[in-house]
Amino acid sequence: MIKTYQTKTVANDGEGDCLAACIASILERPLRHINAPSTKDPQYWSKLDTSLARIGYRLVRPKKRPKGYAIAYGPGERIYPAGHDLEFTSIIHAVVVFNGQLIHDPFPFGEGLTEVTNYYTLEHVSEPEEE
């Protein structure tokens, strides 16, 4: 695992790329290789699945807390800024965990999550279609 920090934030860009940064961290790839769609895209999850398939992976949502590296997803301490569609509610965030323990928050000054609503793991499914 190589710590990769997000390059987009809700406050600066209207959306963040923390999930893509977590994926890049676990796969030890540059963030630009993840090619995540805009989080505002209604087809975000299917487009992310397609992007990951191109590099030979898929996101899996296990039924319980996974062992090893995983992505924890849920509300964090920060709130959406005024003017955002979700203003003044907790920002949904993603962090890297190992055996359920926080090991990397891709937000530069992040402190993790207040609650984990989902876990995701990365499963290798094929050789990359393209590098």
N, C-alpha and C. Protein backbone atom coordinates (compact mmCIF):
# COMPACT_ATOMS: atom_id res chain seq x y z
N MET A 1 0.85 -1.16 0.00
CA MET A 1 0.00 0.00 0.00
C MET A 1 0.89 1.23 0.00
N ILE A 2 0.60 2.14 -0.89
CA ILE A 2 1.32 3.42 -0.98
C ILE A 2 0.30 4.53 -0.77
N LYS A 3 0.56 5.40 0.18
CA LYS A 3 -0.39 6.47 0.48
C LYS A 3 -0.53 7.43 -0.70
N THR A 4 -1.76 7.53 -1.20
CA THR A 4 -2.10 8.44 -2.27
C THR A 4 -3.15 9.39 -1.72
N TYR A 5 -2.97 10.67 -1.94
CA TYR A 5 -3.91 11.67 -1.42
C TYR A 5 -4.85 12.14 -2.52
N GLN A 6 -6.06 12.45 -2.14
CA GLN A 6 -7.04 12.93 -3.11
C GLN A 6 -6.61 14.28 -3.66
N THR A 7 -6.99 14.52 -4.90
CA THR A 7 -6.64 15.78 -5.57
C THR A 7 -7.84 16.69 -5.72
N LYS A 8 -9.04 16.16 -5.47
CA LYS A 8 -10.27 16.94 -5.54
C LYS A 8 -10.95 16.88 -4.18
N THR A 9 -11.50 18.01 -3.76
CA THR A 9 -12.27 18.04 -2.52
C THR A 9 -13.60 18.73 -2.76
N VAL A 10 -14.57 18.41 -1.93
CA VAL A 10 -15.89 19.01 -2.04
C VAL A 10 -15.80 20.53 -1.93
N ALA A 11 -15.02 21.02 -0.97
CA ALA A 11 -14.93 22.46 -0.75
C ALA A 11 -14.32 23.19 -1.95
N ASN A 12 -13.31 22.59 -2.58
CA ASN A 12 -12.62 23.26 -3.69
C ASN A 12 -13.19 22.93 -5.06
N ASP A 13 -13.69 21.71 -5.22
CA ASP A 13 -14.07 21.23 -6.55
C ASP A 13 -15.54 20.84 -6.68
N GLY A 14 -16.28 20.86 -5.57
CA GLY A 14 -17.67 20.46 -5.61
C GLY A 14 -17.87 18.96 -5.47
N GLU A 15 -16.80 18.22 -5.55
CA GLU A 15 -16.82 16.77 -5.38
C GLU A 15 -15.41 16.33 -5.02
N GLY A 16 -15.30 15.18 -4.39
CA GLY A 16 -13.99 14.67 -4.02
C GLY A 16 -13.64 13.41 -4.78
N ASP A 17 -12.37 13.03 -4.71
CA ASP A 17 -11.94 11.78 -5.35
C ASP A 17 -11.25 10.86 -4.33
N CYS A 18 -11.80 10.85 -3.11
CA CYS A 18 -11.20 10.05 -2.04
C CYS A 18 -11.27 8.55 -2.35
N LEU A 19 -12.38 8.07 -2.93
CA LEU A 19 -12.49 6.65 -3.23
C LEU A 19 -11.44 6.24 -4.25
N ALA A 20 -11.27 7.05 -5.29
CA ALA A 20 -10.24 6.76 -6.29
C ALA A 20 -8.85 6.77 -5.66
N ALA A 21 -8.61 7.70 -4.73
CA ALA A 21 -7.31 7.76 -4.04
C ALA A 21 -7.09 6.51 -3.19
N CYS A 22 -8.14 6.00 -2.57
CA CYS A 22 -8.01 4.76 -1.79
C CYS A 22 -7.68 3.57 -2.70
N ILE A 23 -8.36 3.51 -3.83
CA ILE A 23 -8.10 2.44 -4.80
C ILE A 23 -6.65 2.53 -5.28
N ALA A 24 -6.21 3.72 -5.63
CA ALA A 24 -4.83 3.92 -6.09
C ALA A 24 -3.84 3.52 -4.99
N SER A 25 -4.15 3.85 -3.76
CA SER A 25 -3.26 3.50 -2.63
C SER A 25 -3.10 1.99 -2.52
N ILE A 26 -4.22 1.28 -2.52
CA ILE A 26 -4.18 -0.18 -2.34
C ILE A 26 -3.51 -0.86 -3.54
N LEU A 27 -3.81 -0.39 -4.74
CA LEU A 27 -3.23 -1.01 -5.94
C LEU A 27 -1.81 -0.51 -6.24
N GLU A 28 -1.38 0.49 -5.48
CA GLU A 28 -0.05 1.07 -5.67
C GLU A 28 0.14 1.58 -7.10
N ARG A 29 -0.84 2.33 -7.55
CA ARG A 29 -0.83 2.93 -8.88
C ARG A 29 -1.02 4.42 -8.76
N PRO A 30 -0.57 5.19 -9.73
CA PRO A 30 -0.86 6.62 -9.70
C PRO A 30 -2.37 6.86 -9.79
N LEU A 31 -2.82 7.89 -9.15
CA LEU A 31 -4.24 8.22 -9.14
C LEU A 31 -4.79 8.38 -10.56
N ARG A 32 -4.00 8.93 -11.46
CA ARG A 32 -4.47 9.14 -12.84
C ARG A 32 -4.77 7.81 -13.56
N HIS A 33 -4.25 6.69 -13.08
CA HIS A 33 -4.51 5.39 -13.71
C HIS A 33 -5.86 4.81 -13.30
N ILE A 34 -6.49 5.36 -12.29
CA ILE A 34 -7.77 4.82 -11.83
C ILE A 34 -8.92 5.30 -12.71
N ASN A 35 -8.82 6.51 -13.25
CA ASN A 35 -9.79 7.02 -14.21
C ASN A 35 -11.23 6.94 -13.68
N ALA A 36 -11.42 7.45 -12.47
CA ALA A 36 -12.76 7.44 -11.87
C ALA A 36 -13.63 8.52 -12.50
N PRO A 37 -14.91 8.23 -12.69
CA PRO A 37 -15.83 9.24 -13.24
C PRO A 37 -16.16 10.30 -12.18
N SER A 38 -16.86 11.31 -12.59
CA SER A 38 -17.34 12.33 -11.66
C SER A 38 -18.32 11.70 -10.68
N THR A 39 -18.19 12.05 -9.41
CA THR A 39 -19.12 11.52 -8.42
C THR A 39 -20.54 12.06 -8.63
N LYS A 40 -20.67 13.08 -9.44
CA LYS A 40 -22.00 13.63 -9.74
C LYS A 40 -22.69 12.87 -10.86
N ASP A 41 -21.98 12.00 -11.53
CA ASP A 41 -22.53 11.21 -12.62
C ASP A 41 -23.49 10.17 -12.05
N PRO A 42 -24.74 10.12 -12.52
CA PRO A 42 -25.69 9.14 -11.99
C PRO A 42 -25.26 7.69 -12.25
N GLN A 43 -24.36 7.49 -13.19
CA GLN A 43 -23.86 6.15 -13.48
C GLN A 43 -22.47 5.94 -12.89
N TYR A 44 -22.16 6.67 -11.82
CA TYR A 44 -20.82 6.63 -11.20
C TYR A 44 -20.35 5.20 -10.95
N TRP A 45 -21.15 4.41 -10.24
CA TRP A 45 -20.68 3.07 -9.84
C TRP A 45 -20.46 2.15 -11.04
N SER A 46 -21.33 2.19 -12.03
CA SER A 46 -21.12 1.32 -13.20
C SER A 46 -19.92 1.78 -14.02
N LYS A 47 -19.72 3.10 -14.12
CA LYS A 47 -18.55 3.59 -14.85
C LYS A 47 -17.26 3.30 -14.09
N LEU A 48 -17.31 3.37 -12.76
CA LEU A 48 -16.14 3.00 -11.97
C LEU A 48 -15.83 1.52 -12.15
N ASP A 49 -16.86 0.68 -12.16
CA ASP A 49 -16.67 -0.76 -12.40
C ASP A 49 -16.00 -0.99 -13.75
N THR A 50 -16.45 -0.29 -14.78
CA THR A 50 -15.86 -0.43 -16.12
C THR A 50 -14.40 0.01 -16.12
N SER A 51 -14.12 1.12 -15.46
CA SER A 51 -12.75 1.63 -15.39
C SER A 51 -11.84 0.63 -14.67
N LEU A 52 -12.32 0.08 -13.57
CA LEU A 52 -11.51 -0.90 -12.83
C LEU A 52 -11.31 -2.19 -13.63
N ALA A 53 -12.33 -2.61 -14.36
CA ALA A 53 -12.20 -3.82 -15.18
C ALA A 53 -11.09 -3.67 -16.21
N ARG A 54 -10.90 -2.46 -16.72
CA ARG A 54 -9.84 -2.22 -17.71
C ARG A 54 -8.45 -2.46 -17.13
N ILE A 55 -8.32 -2.32 -15.81
CA ILE A 55 -7.02 -2.58 -15.19
C ILE A 55 -7.01 -3.92 -14.43
N GLY A 56 -8.08 -4.72 -14.64
CA GLY A 56 -8.10 -6.09 -14.12
C GLY A 56 -8.66 -6.26 -12.71
N TYR A 57 -9.46 -5.31 -12.23
CA TYR A 57 -10.00 -5.40 -10.86
C TYR A 57 -11.48 -5.09 -10.84
N ARG A 58 -12.09 -5.43 -9.70
CA ARG A 58 -13.45 -5.01 -9.43
C ARG A 58 -13.59 -4.75 -7.94
N LEU A 59 -14.54 -3.87 -7.61
CA LEU A 59 -14.86 -3.60 -6.21
C LEU A 59 -15.87 -4.64 -5.74
N VAL A 60 -15.63 -5.15 -4.56
CA VAL A 60 -16.54 -6.13 -3.96
C VAL A 60 -17.00 -5.57 -2.62
N ARG A 61 -18.27 -5.71 -2.34
CA ARG A 61 -18.81 -5.26 -1.05
C ARG A 61 -19.05 -6.48 -0.17
N PRO A 62 -18.12 -6.77 0.73
CA PRO A 62 -18.28 -7.95 1.59
C PRO A 62 -19.41 -7.76 2.60
N LYS A 63 -19.93 -8.86 3.12
CA LYS A 63 -21.03 -8.80 4.06
C LYS A 63 -20.58 -8.41 5.47
N LYS A 64 -19.32 -8.63 5.77
CA LYS A 64 -18.80 -8.25 7.10
C LYS A 64 -17.45 -7.58 6.94
N ARG A 65 -16.91 -7.06 8.05
CA ARG A 65 -15.62 -6.36 7.98
C ARG A 65 -14.56 -7.31 7.43
N PRO A 66 -13.90 -6.89 6.34
CA PRO A 66 -12.92 -7.78 5.69
C PRO A 66 -11.57 -7.78 6.40
N LYS A 67 -10.83 -8.84 6.17
CA LYS A 67 -9.44 -8.92 6.64
C LYS A 67 -8.55 -8.35 5.54
N GLY A 68 -7.39 -7.86 5.93
CA GLY A 68 -6.46 -7.29 4.96
C GLY A 68 -6.85 -5.87 4.57
N TYR A 69 -6.33 -5.45 3.43
CA TYR A 69 -6.61 -4.09 2.95
C TYR A 69 -8.05 -3.99 2.44
N ALA A 70 -8.68 -2.88 2.77
CA ALA A 70 -10.04 -2.63 2.30
C ALA A 70 -10.28 -1.13 2.34
N ILE A 71 -11.40 -0.75 1.79
CA ILE A 71 -11.83 0.65 1.82
C ILE A 71 -13.04 0.72 2.73
N ALA A 72 -12.98 1.60 3.71
CA ALA A 72 -14.13 1.87 4.57
C ALA A 72 -14.78 3.15 4.05
N TYR A 73 -16.09 3.18 4.07
CA TYR A 73 -16.86 4.24 3.43
C TYR A 73 -17.96 4.68 4.38
N GLY A 74 -18.13 5.98 4.55
CA GLY A 74 -19.19 6.49 5.42
C GLY A 74 -18.99 7.96 5.73
N PRO A 75 -19.80 8.50 6.63
CA PRO A 75 -19.67 9.92 6.98
C PRO A 75 -18.40 10.21 7.77
N GLY A 76 -17.82 11.36 7.48
CA GLY A 76 -16.64 11.81 8.21
C GLY A 76 -16.97 13.01 9.08
N GLU A 77 -15.94 13.60 9.66
CA GLU A 77 -16.12 14.76 10.55
C GLU A 77 -16.48 16.03 9.78
N ARG A 78 -16.02 16.15 8.54
CA ARG A 78 -16.25 17.38 7.78
C ARG A 78 -17.68 17.43 7.26
N ILE A 79 -18.18 18.64 7.00
CA ILE A 79 -19.53 18.81 6.48
C ILE A 79 -19.48 19.49 5.11
N TYR A 80 -20.52 19.22 4.31
CA TYR A 80 -20.61 19.88 3.01
C TYR A 80 -20.78 21.38 3.21
N PRO A 81 -20.08 22.19 2.41
CA PRO A 81 -20.13 23.65 2.58
C PRO A 81 -21.46 24.25 2.10
N ALA A 82 -21.71 25.46 2.53
CA ALA A 82 -22.90 26.20 2.08
C ALA A 82 -22.90 26.28 0.56
N GLY A 83 -24.07 26.12 -0.02
CA GLY A 83 -24.19 26.17 -1.47
C GLY A 83 -24.16 24.79 -2.12
N HIS A 84 -23.65 23.77 -1.44
CA HIS A 84 -23.64 22.41 -1.96
C HIS A 84 -25.04 21.82 -1.79
N ASP A 85 -25.43 20.91 -2.66
CA ASP A 85 -26.75 20.27 -2.55
C ASP A 85 -26.99 19.65 -1.18
N LEU A 86 -25.93 19.19 -0.55
CA LEU A 86 -26.03 18.51 0.75
C LEU A 86 -25.49 19.38 1.89
N GLU A 87 -25.53 20.69 1.71
CA GLU A 87 -24.90 21.60 2.68
C GLU A 87 -25.26 21.26 4.13
N PHE A 88 -24.23 21.36 4.95
CA PHE A 88 -24.30 21.18 6.40
C PHE A 88 -24.59 19.75 6.86
N THR A 89 -24.46 18.78 5.95
CA THR A 89 -24.52 17.37 6.36
C THR A 89 -23.11 16.80 6.26
N SER A 90 -22.87 15.69 6.91
CA SER A 90 -21.54 15.07 6.90
C SER A 90 -21.14 14.65 5.49
N ILE A 91 -19.91 14.93 5.14
CA ILE A 91 -19.37 14.51 3.85
C ILE A 91 -19.13 13.00 3.89
N ILE A 92 -19.62 12.32 2.88
CA ILE A 92 -19.37 10.88 2.76
C ILE A 92 -17.94 10.74 2.26
N HIS A 93 -17.19 9.86 2.88
CA HIS A 93 -15.75 9.80 2.66
C HIS A 93 -15.30 8.34 2.59
N ALA A 94 -14.14 8.12 2.03
CA ALA A 94 -13.54 6.79 1.95
C ALA A 94 -12.12 6.84 2.50
N VAL A 95 -11.74 5.80 3.22
CA VAL A 95 -10.40 5.68 3.80
C VAL A 95 -9.91 4.25 3.61
N VAL A 96 -8.60 4.05 3.74
CA VAL A 96 -8.03 2.71 3.64
C VAL A 96 -7.89 2.14 5.05
N VAL A 97 -8.33 0.90 5.19
CA VAL A 97 -8.19 0.20 6.47
C VAL A 97 -7.44 -1.11 6.23
N PHE A 98 -6.86 -1.61 7.30
CA PHE A 98 -6.23 -2.94 7.28
C PHE A 98 -6.79 -3.69 8.47
N ASN A 99 -7.45 -4.81 8.21
CA ASN A 99 -8.15 -5.56 9.26
C ASN A 99 -9.09 -4.65 10.06
N GLY A 100 -9.73 -3.72 9.37
CA GLY A 100 -10.70 -2.84 9.98
C GLY A 100 -10.14 -1.61 10.68
N GLN A 101 -8.82 -1.48 10.73
CA GLN A 101 -8.19 -0.34 11.41
C GLN A 101 -7.71 0.69 10.39
N LEU A 102 -8.03 1.95 10.65
CA LEU A 102 -7.62 3.02 9.75
C LEU A 102 -6.10 3.06 9.60
N ILE A 103 -5.63 3.03 8.35
CA ILE A 103 -4.19 3.18 8.11
C ILE A 103 -3.88 4.34 7.17
N HIS A 104 -4.90 4.83 6.45
CA HIS A 104 -4.65 5.96 5.55
C HIS A 104 -5.94 6.69 5.25
N ASP A 105 -5.93 7.99 5.50
CA ASP A 105 -7.03 8.86 5.10
C ASP A 105 -6.51 9.70 3.95
N PRO A 106 -7.13 9.61 2.77
CA PRO A 106 -6.60 10.34 1.62
C PRO A 106 -6.83 11.85 1.66
N PHE A 107 -7.66 12.32 2.61
CA PHE A 107 -7.81 13.77 2.79
C PHE A 107 -6.59 14.24 3.57
N PRO A 108 -5.88 15.25 3.10
CA PRO A 108 -4.60 15.64 3.72
C PRO A 108 -4.64 15.85 5.24
N PHE A 109 -5.76 16.33 5.76
CA PHE A 109 -5.84 16.55 7.21
C PHE A 109 -6.95 15.71 7.81
N GLY A 110 -7.24 14.60 7.18
CA GLY A 110 -8.35 13.77 7.59
C GLY A 110 -8.11 12.99 8.86
N GLU A 111 -9.21 12.68 9.50
CA GLU A 111 -9.16 11.92 10.74
C GLU A 111 -10.02 10.67 10.66
N GLY A 112 -10.35 10.24 9.46
CA GLY A 112 -11.14 9.03 9.32
C GLY A 112 -12.63 9.30 9.24
N LEU A 113 -13.40 8.32 9.67
CA LEU A 113 -14.85 8.35 9.55
C LEU A 113 -15.49 8.39 10.94
N THR A 114 -16.69 8.92 11.01
CA THR A 114 -17.44 8.84 12.26
C THR A 114 -18.21 7.54 12.34
N GLU A 115 -18.43 6.92 11.17
CA GLU A 115 -19.17 5.66 11.10
C GLU A 115 -18.82 4.97 9.78
N VAL A 116 -18.70 3.66 9.80
CA VAL A 116 -18.49 2.90 8.56
C VAL A 116 -19.84 2.36 8.13
N THR A 117 -20.28 2.78 6.94
CA THR A 117 -21.55 2.26 6.42
C THR A 117 -21.33 1.12 5.44
N ASN A 118 -20.16 1.08 4.81
CA ASN A 118 -19.83 0.01 3.85
C ASN A 118 -18.33 -0.23 3.85
N TYR A 119 -17.98 -1.45 3.51
CA TYR A 119 -16.60 -1.79 3.21
C TYR A 119 -16.55 -2.22 1.75
N TYR A 120 -15.41 -1.98 1.12
CA TYR A 120 -15.18 -2.46 -0.24
C TYR A 120 -13.79 -3.08 -0.29
N THR A 121 -13.67 -4.16 -1.01
CA THR A 121 -12.36 -4.75 -1.26
C THR A 121 -12.14 -4.75 -2.77
N LEU A 122 -10.90 -4.90 -3.15
CA LEU A 122 -10.55 -4.97 -4.57
C LEU A 122 -10.19 -6.41 -4.89
N GLU A 123 -10.83 -6.93 -5.90
CA GLU A 123 -10.59 -8.31 -6.32
C GLU A 123 -9.98 -8.30 -7.70
N HIS A 124 -8.86 -9.02 -7.83
CA HIS A 124 -8.22 -9.16 -9.14
C HIS A 124 -9.05 -10.14 -9.96
N VAL A 125 -9.47 -9.71 -11.15
CA VAL A 125 -10.34 -10.57 -11.96
C VAL A 125 -9.74 -10.97 -13.30
N SER A 126 -8.78 -10.21 -13.80
CA SER A 126 -8.19 -10.54 -15.10
C SER A 126 -6.94 -9.71 -15.30
N GLU A 127 -6.26 -10.04 -16.36
CA GLU A 127 -5.11 -9.21 -16.74
C GLU A 127 -5.63 -7.89 -17.28
N PRO A 128 -4.90 -6.82 -17.07
CA PRO A 128 -5.37 -5.50 -17.54
C PRO A 128 -5.59 -5.49 -19.05
N GLU A 129 -6.66 -4.78 -19.46
CA GLU A 129 -6.91 -4.59 -20.88
C GLU A 129 -5.92 -3.59 -21.46
N GLU A 130 -5.54 -2.62 -20.61
CA GLU A 130 -4.61 -1.58 -21.07
C GLU A 130 -3.85 -1.09 -19.86
N GLU A 131 -2.70 -0.57 -20.07
CA GLU A 131 -1.90 -0.02 -18.96
C GLU A 131 -1.82 1.46 -19.07
